[in-house]
N, C-alpha and C. Protein backbone atom coordinates (compact mmCIF):
# COMPACT_ATOMS: atom_id res chain seq x y z
N MET A 1 16.46 -26.78 33.43
CA MET A 1 15.47 -28.32 34.80
C MET A 1 16.34 -29.68 34.83
N GLY A 2 16.72 -29.70 33.92
CA GLY A 2 17.14 -30.87 33.37
C GLY A 2 17.77 -31.52 32.13
N GLN A 3 18.20 -32.50 32.05
CA GLN A 3 19.27 -32.16 30.74
C GLN A 3 20.66 -31.98 31.28
N PHE A 4 21.49 -31.85 32.44
CA PHE A 4 22.24 -31.40 32.65
C PHE A 4 23.42 -31.98 31.99
N GLY A 5 23.34 -32.83 31.27
CA GLY A 5 24.31 -33.51 30.38
C GLY A 5 24.40 -33.22 29.30
N ALA A 6 23.60 -32.70 28.79
CA ALA A 6 23.83 -32.20 27.33
C ALA A 6 23.70 -30.63 27.22
N TRP A 7 24.55 -29.99 27.34
CA TRP A 7 25.06 -28.88 26.93
C TRP A 7 24.52 -27.79 25.73
N THR A 8 23.42 -26.29 26.22
CA THR A 8 22.78 -25.96 25.02
C THR A 8 23.34 -24.53 25.16
N ALA A 9 23.20 -23.65 24.03
CA ALA A 9 23.46 -22.40 24.03
C ALA A 9 22.99 -21.78 23.15
N ASP A 10 22.63 -20.21 23.54
CA ASP A 10 22.20 -19.55 22.47
C ASP A 10 23.05 -19.32 20.94
N VAL A 11 22.94 -19.15 19.82
CA VAL A 11 23.53 -18.36 19.23
C VAL A 11 23.27 -17.15 18.72
N ASN A 12 24.00 -16.37 18.52
CA ASN A 12 23.38 -15.06 17.65
C ASN A 12 23.88 -15.03 16.08
N LEU A 13 23.54 -14.48 15.26
CA LEU A 13 24.35 -14.06 14.06
C LEU A 13 23.62 -12.55 13.96
N ASP A 14 24.67 -11.32 14.10
CA ASP A 14 24.46 -10.73 13.39
C ASP A 14 25.31 -10.12 12.50
N ALA A 15 24.52 -9.21 11.36
CA ALA A 15 25.35 -9.16 10.09
C ALA A 15 25.97 -9.96 9.48
N ILE A 16 25.55 -10.92 9.59
CA ILE A 16 26.11 -12.25 8.84
C ILE A 16 25.47 -11.92 6.95
N ARG A 17 26.66 -12.37 6.23
CA ARG A 17 26.16 -12.72 4.96
C ARG A 17 26.53 -14.42 4.38
N VAL A 18 25.20 -15.03 4.05
CA VAL A 18 25.73 -16.22 3.99
C VAL A 18 25.66 -16.17 2.37
N PRO A 19 26.80 -17.28 1.54
CA PRO A 19 27.20 -16.87 0.18
C PRO A 19 25.85 -17.58 -0.63
N ALA A 20 25.15 -17.60 -1.28
CA ALA A 20 24.47 -18.67 -2.30
C ALA A 20 24.79 -19.92 -2.49
N ALA A 21 26.16 -20.48 -2.49
CA ALA A 21 26.79 -21.72 -2.58
C ALA A 21 26.76 -22.00 -1.35
N ALA A 22 26.51 -21.51 0.05
CA ALA A 22 26.83 -22.01 1.32
C ALA A 22 24.73 -22.47 1.95
N LEU A 23 24.37 -21.77 1.03
CA LEU A 23 22.81 -22.21 1.66
C LEU A 23 22.42 -23.99 1.97
N VAL A 24 21.93 -23.86 2.75
CA VAL A 24 20.80 -25.09 3.18
C VAL A 24 20.54 -25.41 2.22
N GLY A 25 20.84 -26.66 1.08
CA GLY A 25 20.22 -27.44 0.37
C GLY A 25 20.51 -26.80 -0.92
N GLY A 26 21.65 -26.05 -0.60
CA GLY A 26 22.21 -25.63 -2.14
C GLY A 26 21.59 -24.40 -2.62
N ASP A 27 22.70 -24.00 -4.03
CA ASP A 27 22.15 -22.72 -4.32
C ASP A 27 21.25 -22.83 -5.82
N ALA A 28 20.45 -23.92 -5.65
CA ALA A 28 20.02 -24.58 -7.10
C ALA A 28 18.77 -24.06 -7.10
N GLY A 29 18.43 -23.71 -5.96
CA GLY A 29 16.92 -23.26 -5.92
C GLY A 29 16.58 -22.99 -4.47
N VAL A 30 15.57 -21.75 -4.90
CA VAL A 30 15.03 -21.44 -3.57
C VAL A 30 13.91 -22.45 -2.68
N GLY A 31 13.82 -22.56 -1.72
CA GLY A 31 13.13 -23.37 -0.60
C GLY A 31 13.35 -24.86 -0.36
N ARG A 32 14.70 -25.36 -0.92
CA ARG A 32 15.41 -26.71 -1.26
C ARG A 32 15.90 -26.80 0.26
N GLY A 33 16.64 -25.68 1.12
CA GLY A 33 16.85 -25.68 2.40
C GLY A 33 15.80 -25.94 3.11
N HIS A 34 14.24 -25.77 3.41
CA HIS A 34 13.26 -26.10 4.12
C HIS A 34 13.02 -27.56 4.22
N ALA A 35 13.42 -28.03 3.10
CA ALA A 35 12.80 -29.42 2.47
C ALA A 35 13.89 -30.24 3.40
N THR A 36 15.34 -29.72 3.36
CA THR A 36 16.55 -30.04 3.55
C THR A 36 16.04 -30.50 5.47
N ALA A 37 15.67 -29.32 5.92
CA ALA A 37 15.57 -28.97 7.34
C ALA A 37 14.31 -30.10 8.04
N MET A 38 13.43 -30.39 6.81
CA MET A 38 12.13 -31.03 7.54
C MET A 38 12.96 -32.72 7.16
N ARG A 39 13.83 -33.05 6.38
CA ARG A 39 14.39 -34.32 6.79
C ARG A 39 15.21 -34.68 7.55
N CYS A 40 15.31 -33.58 7.92
CA CYS A 40 16.63 -33.82 9.31
C CYS A 40 16.23 -33.58 10.41
N LEU A 41 14.67 -33.41 10.53
CA LEU A 41 13.99 -33.13 11.85
C LEU A 41 13.00 -34.52 11.72
N ALA A 42 12.45 -35.08 10.43
CA ALA A 42 11.98 -36.77 10.74
C ALA A 42 13.44 -37.35 11.20
N HIS A 43 14.38 -37.25 10.91
CA HIS A 43 15.42 -38.15 11.00
C HIS A 43 15.48 -37.96 12.65
N GLY A 44 15.77 -36.78 12.99
CA GLY A 44 15.83 -36.43 14.80
C GLY A 44 14.44 -37.11 15.55
N ARG A 45 13.43 -37.06 15.09
CA ARG A 45 12.27 -37.50 15.50
C ARG A 45 12.15 -38.93 16.19
N VAL A 46 13.14 -39.95 15.05
CA VAL A 46 12.99 -41.06 15.42
C VAL A 46 14.08 -41.73 16.32
N HIS A 47 14.60 -40.58 16.31
CA HIS A 47 16.05 -40.71 17.41
C HIS A 47 15.58 -40.19 18.52
N ILE A 48 15.08 -39.32 19.03
CA ILE A 48 14.40 -38.48 20.18
C ILE A 48 13.46 -39.75 20.47
N ALA A 49 12.56 -40.39 20.07
CA ALA A 49 12.05 -41.20 20.16
C ALA A 49 12.72 -42.49 20.56
N ALA A 50 13.85 -43.02 19.99
CA ALA A 50 14.57 -44.16 20.88
C ALA A 50 15.29 -43.67 22.11
N LEU A 51 15.62 -42.27 22.29
CA LEU A 51 15.79 -42.21 23.35
C LEU A 51 14.93 -42.34 24.57
N CYS A 52 13.77 -41.79 24.31
CA CYS A 52 12.45 -41.98 25.33
C CYS A 52 12.56 -43.61 25.44
N VAL A 53 12.69 -44.21 24.52
CA VAL A 53 12.13 -45.61 24.73
C VAL A 53 13.28 -45.86 25.87
N GLY A 54 14.66 -46.03 25.80
CA GLY A 54 15.44 -46.53 26.82
C GLY A 54 15.61 -45.39 28.13
N LEU A 55 14.76 -44.30 27.87
CA LEU A 55 15.20 -43.86 29.50
C LEU A 55 13.81 -44.74 30.28
N ALA A 56 12.78 -44.45 29.63
CA ALA A 56 11.48 -45.63 29.72
C ALA A 56 11.67 -46.80 30.52
N GLN A 57 12.47 -47.44 30.20
CA GLN A 57 13.70 -48.75 29.96
C GLN A 57 14.11 -48.67 31.25
N ARG A 58 15.02 -47.44 31.65
CA ARG A 58 15.67 -47.13 32.76
C ARG A 58 14.80 -47.23 34.24
N LEU A 59 13.61 -46.30 33.98
CA LEU A 59 12.91 -45.68 34.84
C LEU A 59 11.71 -47.10 35.12
N VAL A 60 11.33 -48.13 34.47
CA VAL A 60 10.62 -49.24 34.53
C VAL A 60 11.95 -50.22 35.46
N ASP A 61 13.08 -50.05 34.91
CA ASP A 61 14.05 -51.06 36.04
C ASP A 61 14.19 -50.55 37.54
N GLU A 62 14.60 -49.24 37.43
CA GLU A 62 14.61 -48.58 38.66
C GLU A 62 13.84 -49.11 39.65
N THR A 63 12.10 -48.44 38.97
CA THR A 63 11.17 -48.81 39.45
C THR A 63 10.83 -50.66 40.09
N VAL A 64 10.99 -51.12 39.70
CA VAL A 64 10.74 -52.76 40.00
C VAL A 64 11.91 -52.85 40.60
N ASP A 65 13.37 -52.75 40.95
CA ASP A 65 13.86 -53.27 41.47
C ASP A 65 13.65 -52.37 42.77
N TYR A 66 13.51 -51.08 43.04
CA TYR A 66 12.72 -50.53 44.18
C TYR A 66 11.13 -51.87 44.94
N ALA A 67 10.58 -51.53 43.97
CA ALA A 67 9.32 -52.60 44.31
C ALA A 67 9.38 -53.53 44.73
N ARG A 68 10.73 -54.21 44.76
CA ARG A 68 11.54 -55.67 45.11
C ARG A 68 11.78 -55.55 46.22
N THR A 69 12.36 -54.58 46.69
CA THR A 69 13.33 -54.53 47.84
C THR A 69 12.54 -53.39 48.41
N ARG A 70 12.38 -52.28 48.76
CA ARG A 70 11.82 -51.41 49.52
C ARG A 70 10.17 -52.22 50.55
N LYS A 71 10.52 -52.39 51.80
CA LYS A 71 9.21 -52.79 52.52
C LYS A 71 8.25 -51.69 53.22
N GLN A 72 7.60 -52.44 53.44
CA GLN A 72 5.95 -51.53 53.87
C GLN A 72 5.71 -52.92 54.01
N GLY A 73 4.93 -52.42 56.08
CA GLY A 73 4.76 -53.46 56.28
C GLY A 73 5.34 -54.91 56.76
N GLY A 74 6.40 -54.56 56.82
CA GLY A 74 7.39 -55.90 57.00
C GLY A 74 6.80 -56.96 54.91
N ARG A 75 6.67 -56.53 54.27
CA ARG A 75 6.64 -57.30 53.00
C ARG A 75 7.36 -56.18 51.52
N PRO A 76 7.57 -56.50 50.65
CA PRO A 76 7.80 -55.49 49.71
C PRO A 76 6.63 -54.95 48.74
N ILE A 77 6.78 -53.73 48.52
CA ILE A 77 5.69 -52.94 47.96
C ILE A 77 5.24 -53.39 47.07
N GLY A 78 6.18 -54.06 46.25
CA GLY A 78 6.12 -54.99 44.85
C GLY A 78 4.71 -56.34 44.75
N GLY A 79 4.25 -56.37 46.67
CA GLY A 79 3.52 -56.99 46.58
C GLY A 79 2.08 -56.09 46.76
N PHE A 80 1.89 -54.95 46.44
CA PHE A 80 0.75 -55.05 46.56
C PHE A 80 0.44 -54.15 45.08
N GLN A 81 -0.90 -54.34 44.87
CA GLN A 81 -1.86 -54.49 43.82
C GLN A 81 -1.83 -53.10 43.12
N LEU A 82 -2.08 -51.75 43.75
CA LEU A 82 -1.29 -50.32 43.08
C LEU A 82 -0.60 -50.31 42.59
N VAL A 83 0.66 -50.83 43.57
CA VAL A 83 2.29 -50.82 42.52
C VAL A 83 2.60 -51.33 41.71
N GLN A 84 1.58 -52.67 41.49
CA GLN A 84 1.75 -53.51 40.61
C GLN A 84 1.16 -53.11 39.49
N GLY A 85 0.10 -52.49 39.36
CA GLY A 85 -0.52 -51.97 38.34
C GLY A 85 -0.02 -50.47 37.71
N LEU A 86 0.45 -49.47 38.68
CA LEU A 86 2.05 -48.82 38.61
C LEU A 86 2.67 -48.92 37.43
N ILE A 87 3.54 -50.51 37.69
CA ILE A 87 4.35 -51.18 36.99
C ILE A 87 3.72 -51.82 36.02
N ALA A 88 2.54 -52.56 35.87
CA ALA A 88 2.55 -52.42 34.44
C ALA A 88 1.69 -51.80 33.25
N ASP A 89 1.82 -50.49 33.83
CA ASP A 89 1.10 -49.60 32.77
C ASP A 89 2.05 -48.87 32.30
N SER A 90 3.61 -49.08 33.46
CA SER A 90 4.75 -48.54 32.57
C SER A 90 5.35 -49.34 31.54
N VAL A 91 5.27 -50.68 32.03
CA VAL A 91 5.90 -51.43 31.20
C VAL A 91 5.10 -51.74 29.57
N THR A 92 3.65 -51.57 30.13
CA THR A 92 3.28 -51.24 28.68
C THR A 92 3.62 -50.21 27.68
N ASP A 93 3.71 -49.48 28.58
CA ASP A 93 3.64 -48.19 27.67
C ASP A 93 4.98 -48.00 27.00
N THR A 94 6.20 -48.49 27.79
CA THR A 94 7.52 -48.54 27.22
C THR A 94 7.30 -49.83 26.06
N LEU A 95 6.92 -50.64 25.83
CA LEU A 95 6.53 -52.10 25.51
C LEU A 95 5.79 -51.18 23.69
N ALA A 96 5.21 -50.50 24.35
CA ALA A 96 4.20 -49.80 22.62
C ALA A 96 5.11 -48.93 22.57
N ALA A 97 6.03 -48.07 23.03
CA ALA A 97 7.01 -47.21 22.67
C ALA A 97 7.89 -47.96 21.51
N ARG A 98 8.57 -48.98 22.27
CA ARG A 98 9.68 -49.78 21.89
C ARG A 98 9.28 -50.34 20.07
N SER A 99 7.69 -50.64 20.30
CA SER A 99 7.05 -51.31 19.56
C SER A 99 6.91 -50.33 18.00
N LEU A 100 6.78 -49.24 18.14
CA LEU A 100 6.36 -48.46 17.30
C LEU A 100 7.86 -47.38 16.94
N VAL A 101 8.37 -47.03 17.68
CA VAL A 101 9.89 -46.39 17.00
C VAL A 101 10.66 -48.01 16.22
N LEU A 102 10.60 -49.06 16.57
CA LEU A 102 11.21 -49.91 15.43
C LEU A 102 11.04 -49.71 14.13
N GLU A 103 8.68 -49.55 14.07
CA GLU A 103 7.96 -49.86 13.05
C GLU A 103 8.73 -48.18 11.96
N ALA A 104 8.77 -47.03 13.14
CA ALA A 104 9.20 -45.42 12.42
C ALA A 104 10.56 -46.05 11.82
N ALA A 105 11.37 -46.70 12.61
CA ALA A 105 12.99 -46.33 11.57
C ALA A 105 12.65 -47.42 10.61
N ARG A 106 12.29 -48.58 10.93
CA ARG A 106 12.38 -49.55 9.83
C ARG A 106 11.87 -48.70 8.45
N ALA A 107 10.15 -48.28 8.69
CA ALA A 107 10.07 -47.23 7.53
C ALA A 107 10.62 -46.36 7.50
N TYR A 108 11.56 -45.42 8.03
CA TYR A 108 12.13 -44.35 7.66
C TYR A 108 13.54 -45.13 6.81
N ASP A 109 14.51 -45.70 7.01
CA ASP A 109 15.60 -46.20 6.09
C ASP A 109 14.78 -47.03 5.05
N ASP A 110 13.74 -47.13 4.92
CA ASP A 110 13.24 -48.28 3.43
C ASP A 110 12.45 -46.88 2.89
N GLY A 111 12.27 -45.67 3.13
CA GLY A 111 11.52 -44.83 2.33
C GLY A 111 10.67 -44.02 2.56
N SER A 112 9.94 -45.11 2.80
CA SER A 112 7.95 -46.00 2.83
C SER A 112 7.25 -44.87 3.55
N ASP A 113 8.00 -44.03 4.95
CA ASP A 113 7.21 -43.24 5.51
C ASP A 113 8.24 -42.35 6.67
N ARG A 114 8.38 -41.27 5.92
CA ARG A 114 9.28 -40.32 6.41
C ARG A 114 8.56 -39.32 6.99
N ARG A 115 7.33 -39.14 7.22
CA ARG A 115 6.76 -38.51 7.80
C ARG A 115 5.71 -38.85 9.36
N VAL A 116 5.10 -39.34 8.70
CA VAL A 116 3.72 -40.05 9.76
C VAL A 116 4.40 -40.53 11.12
N ALA A 117 5.05 -41.81 10.64
CA ALA A 117 5.11 -42.71 11.54
C ALA A 117 6.72 -41.91 12.23
N PRO A 118 7.71 -41.48 11.70
CA PRO A 118 7.89 -40.28 12.84
C PRO A 118 7.52 -39.43 13.76
N ALA A 119 6.75 -38.87 13.43
CA ALA A 119 6.24 -37.79 14.46
C ALA A 119 5.29 -38.66 15.07
N ALA A 120 4.53 -39.61 14.59
CA ALA A 120 3.90 -40.51 15.28
C ALA A 120 4.60 -40.97 16.88
N ALA A 121 5.89 -41.61 16.34
CA ALA A 121 7.22 -41.84 17.38
C ALA A 121 7.61 -41.51 18.36
N LYS A 122 7.76 -40.03 17.64
CA LYS A 122 8.22 -38.99 18.93
C LYS A 122 7.29 -38.44 19.54
N TYR A 123 5.80 -38.51 18.87
CA TYR A 123 4.87 -37.70 19.64
C TYR A 123 4.74 -39.23 20.80
N PHE A 124 4.57 -40.70 20.55
CA PHE A 124 3.82 -41.43 21.51
C PHE A 124 4.78 -41.14 22.74
N ALA A 125 6.61 -41.89 21.93
CA ALA A 125 7.60 -41.84 23.05
C ALA A 125 7.56 -41.10 24.12
N SER A 126 7.48 -40.08 23.71
CA SER A 126 7.95 -38.84 24.63
C SER A 126 6.85 -38.72 25.56
N GLU A 127 5.53 -38.56 24.84
CA GLU A 127 4.54 -38.66 26.26
C GLU A 127 4.38 -40.00 26.94
N ALA A 128 5.27 -40.83 26.80
CA ALA A 128 4.81 -42.64 27.47
C ALA A 128 6.20 -42.30 28.31
N VAL A 129 7.43 -42.03 27.94
CA VAL A 129 7.88 -41.60 29.05
C VAL A 129 8.19 -40.89 30.05
N GLY A 130 7.47 -39.48 29.55
CA GLY A 130 6.66 -38.82 30.98
C GLY A 130 5.65 -39.44 31.65
N ARG A 131 4.88 -40.07 31.13
CA ARG A 131 3.53 -41.31 31.57
C ARG A 131 4.76 -42.06 33.03
N VAL A 132 5.80 -42.76 32.61
CA VAL A 132 6.26 -43.54 32.96
C VAL A 132 7.15 -42.90 34.07
N ALA A 133 7.86 -42.07 34.08
CA ALA A 133 8.59 -40.91 34.99
C ALA A 133 7.83 -40.60 36.19
N ASP A 134 6.43 -40.25 35.74
CA ASP A 134 5.46 -39.79 37.08
C ASP A 134 5.14 -41.48 38.04
N ARG A 135 5.24 -42.34 37.10
CA ARG A 135 4.42 -43.58 38.14
C ARG A 135 5.81 -44.13 38.60
N ALA A 136 7.24 -43.99 38.31
CA ALA A 136 8.44 -44.15 38.83
C ALA A 136 8.47 -43.46 40.00
N VAL A 137 8.49 -41.98 40.31
CA VAL A 137 8.35 -41.30 41.36
C VAL A 137 7.29 -41.71 42.38
N GLN A 138 5.97 -41.70 42.01
CA GLN A 138 5.00 -42.17 42.71
C GLN A 138 5.36 -43.68 43.40
N VAL A 139 6.05 -44.72 42.78
CA VAL A 139 6.02 -45.67 43.07
C VAL A 139 7.40 -45.60 44.39
N HIS A 140 7.96 -44.52 44.36
CA HIS A 140 9.41 -44.62 45.24
C HIS A 140 8.72 -43.48 46.27
N GLY A 141 7.67 -43.15 46.02
CA GLY A 141 7.34 -41.92 47.46
C GLY A 141 8.17 -40.86 47.63
N GLY A 142 8.64 -40.58 48.81
CA GLY A 142 9.04 -39.32 49.49
C GLY A 142 10.45 -39.66 48.67
N ALA A 143 10.91 -41.17 48.39
CA ALA A 143 12.31 -41.18 47.84
C ALA A 143 12.51 -40.43 46.32
N GLY A 144 11.18 -41.18 45.94
CA GLY A 144 12.01 -40.43 44.74
C GLY A 144 11.71 -39.06 44.07
N TYR A 145 11.27 -38.30 45.36
CA TYR A 145 11.11 -36.98 45.11
C TYR A 145 12.22 -36.13 45.60
N MET A 146 13.05 -37.15 46.05
CA MET A 146 14.38 -36.14 46.26
C MET A 146 16.23 -36.44 45.80
N ARG A 147 16.60 -35.32 45.58
CA ARG A 147 17.36 -34.84 44.48
C ARG A 147 18.72 -36.37 44.50
N GLU A 148 18.50 -37.43 45.24
CA GLU A 148 19.53 -38.27 45.67
C GLU A 148 19.09 -39.21 44.73
N SER A 149 17.99 -39.64 43.92
CA SER A 149 16.91 -40.54 43.80
C SER A 149 17.18 -40.33 42.27
N ALA A 150 17.64 -41.22 41.54
CA ALA A 150 17.77 -41.66 39.84
C ALA A 150 16.31 -40.83 39.21
N VAL A 151 15.16 -41.58 39.62
CA VAL A 151 14.07 -41.68 39.11
C VAL A 151 13.41 -39.89 39.23
N GLU A 152 13.81 -38.99 40.20
CA GLU A 152 13.95 -37.61 40.70
C GLU A 152 14.39 -37.07 39.15
N ARG A 153 16.03 -37.28 38.65
CA ARG A 153 16.80 -36.29 37.83
C ARG A 153 15.87 -36.94 36.37
N PHE A 154 15.40 -37.98 36.29
CA PHE A 154 14.85 -38.98 34.90
C PHE A 154 13.31 -38.14 34.90
N TYR A 155 12.99 -37.84 35.55
CA TYR A 155 11.57 -37.05 35.44
C TYR A 155 11.73 -35.83 35.35
N ARG A 156 12.85 -35.21 36.02
CA ARG A 156 12.93 -33.79 35.11
C ARG A 156 13.55 -33.92 33.54
N ASP A 157 14.35 -34.87 33.49
CA ASP A 157 15.22 -35.21 31.91
C ASP A 157 13.89 -35.38 31.04
N ALA A 158 12.86 -36.61 31.44
CA ALA A 158 11.78 -36.91 30.47
C ALA A 158 11.00 -35.81 29.92
N ARG A 159 11.06 -34.62 30.62
CA ARG A 159 10.10 -33.67 30.42
C ARG A 159 10.62 -32.52 29.41
N LEU A 160 12.01 -32.73 28.68
CA LEU A 160 12.21 -31.75 27.45
C LEU A 160 11.87 -32.90 26.49
N PHE A 161 12.14 -33.80 26.40
CA PHE A 161 11.53 -34.66 24.84
C PHE A 161 10.06 -34.60 24.48
N ARG A 162 9.27 -33.53 24.99
CA ARG A 162 7.92 -33.42 24.85
C ARG A 162 8.26 -31.79 24.00
N ILE A 163 9.30 -31.26 23.96
CA ILE A 163 9.50 -30.29 23.45
C ILE A 163 10.47 -30.29 22.37
N TYR A 164 11.48 -31.34 22.34
CA TYR A 164 12.67 -31.45 21.85
C TYR A 164 12.16 -31.58 19.97
N GLU A 165 12.81 -31.27 19.01
CA GLU A 165 12.07 -31.69 17.30
C GLU A 165 10.68 -31.51 17.22
N GLY A 166 10.20 -30.50 17.82
CA GLY A 166 9.11 -30.45 17.49
C GLY A 166 7.95 -30.58 18.84
N THR A 167 7.14 -30.10 19.41
CA THR A 167 6.16 -30.21 20.50
C THR A 167 5.39 -31.34 20.15
N SER A 168 4.76 -31.72 21.34
CA SER A 168 3.76 -32.59 20.97
C SER A 168 2.73 -32.15 20.19
N GLN A 169 2.08 -31.17 20.59
CA GLN A 169 1.57 -30.49 19.35
C GLN A 169 1.86 -30.02 17.99
N ILE A 170 3.03 -30.07 17.33
CA ILE A 170 3.56 -29.97 16.43
C ILE A 170 2.68 -31.26 15.59
N GLN A 171 3.91 -32.61 16.63
CA GLN A 171 3.68 -33.83 15.78
C GLN A 171 2.05 -34.21 15.56
N GLN A 172 1.26 -33.44 16.73
CA GLN A 172 -0.45 -33.86 16.17
C GLN A 172 -0.72 -33.56 14.96
N VAL A 173 -0.27 -31.84 14.66
CA VAL A 173 -0.66 -31.53 13.51
C VAL A 173 0.25 -31.95 12.08
N ILE A 174 1.33 -32.45 12.32
CA ILE A 174 1.85 -33.06 10.83
C ILE A 174 1.29 -34.30 10.90
N ILE A 175 1.02 -35.05 11.72
CA ILE A 175 -0.13 -36.46 11.77
C ILE A 175 -1.02 -36.04 11.01
N ALA A 176 -1.82 -35.63 11.57
CA ALA A 176 -3.00 -35.27 11.28
C ALA A 176 -3.22 -34.45 9.72
N ARG A 177 -2.21 -33.78 9.61
CA ARG A 177 -2.53 -32.52 8.35
C ARG A 177 -1.93 -33.94 7.15
N GLU A 178 -0.83 -34.63 7.65
CA GLU A 178 -0.71 -36.33 6.51
C GLU A 178 -1.66 -36.68 6.29
N VAL A 179 -2.18 -37.23 7.16
CA VAL A 179 -3.37 -38.63 6.81
C VAL A 179 -4.36 -37.93 6.19
N LEU A 180 -5.03 -36.43 6.29
CA LEU A 180 -6.33 -35.91 5.79
C LEU A 180 -5.94 -34.95 4.29
N GLY A 181 -4.66 -35.19 4.02
CA GLY A 181 -4.72 -34.83 2.64
C GLY A 181 -4.72 -33.66 2.87
N PRO A 182 -5.38 -32.85 1.55
CA PRO A 182 -5.70 -31.33 1.51
C PRO A 182 -6.84 -31.11 2.82
N ALA A 183 -8.14 -31.68 3.28
CA ALA A 183 -8.61 -31.28 3.61
C ALA A 183 -7.73 -31.24 5.02
N GLY A 184 -7.02 -31.35 5.65
CA GLY A 184 -6.43 -31.22 7.23
C GLY A 184 -5.57 -29.94 6.68
N THR A 185 -5.95 -28.72 5.75
CA THR A 185 -5.04 -28.04 5.40
C THR A 185 -6.40 -26.59 5.47
N GLY A 186 -7.55 -26.98 5.74
CA GLY A 186 -8.10 -26.07 5.42
C GLY A 186 -8.85 -25.61 4.50
N LYS A 187 -8.22 -25.73 3.42
CA LYS A 187 -8.59 -25.41 2.13
C LYS A 187 -9.25 -25.70 1.45
N GLN A 188 -9.80 -25.63 0.14
CA GLN A 188 -11.11 -26.82 -0.51
C GLN A 188 -9.74 -27.49 -1.15
N ALA A 189 -10.11 -28.53 -1.68
CA ALA A 189 -9.81 -29.14 -3.28
C ALA A 189 -9.95 -28.33 -4.50
């Protein structure tokens, strides 16, 4: 559907034996591989969130440029208040996502939060870029729906960010369980 610049493929491993020394997390103990994988996912969530911010900014730039140059009734469509509202919402989403990503990256780097902040940044930024992409297509009108339009491609590309590194729903579970503590598991303390 999108993301044609990022090649993906299935990998099938049948009848493969992995020696204990080659296990993710080392052979010192069972269960370390999961912890290692979770740390990698948390880092990847900050990375995906930052990519979303970059794409959102590009979509805002494309939308603003189009609204300045496209004319309707002899004047730029950027002069219409409803178009201005769509642009304002997109700028706000982009700025909020950028701020959250910067805070999540700071907390990840200093070790103070490697669970909630990465999940929240990925969740918010991936949802935000979807909204920004939708508004960009709306401002571009029929031209935004055409294959020749950059915003059409970005619209398709943005959708996958809500799936990468854990879906939005998985991010919700991670965030809620972390802040709820033992109550988030549904078990009695």
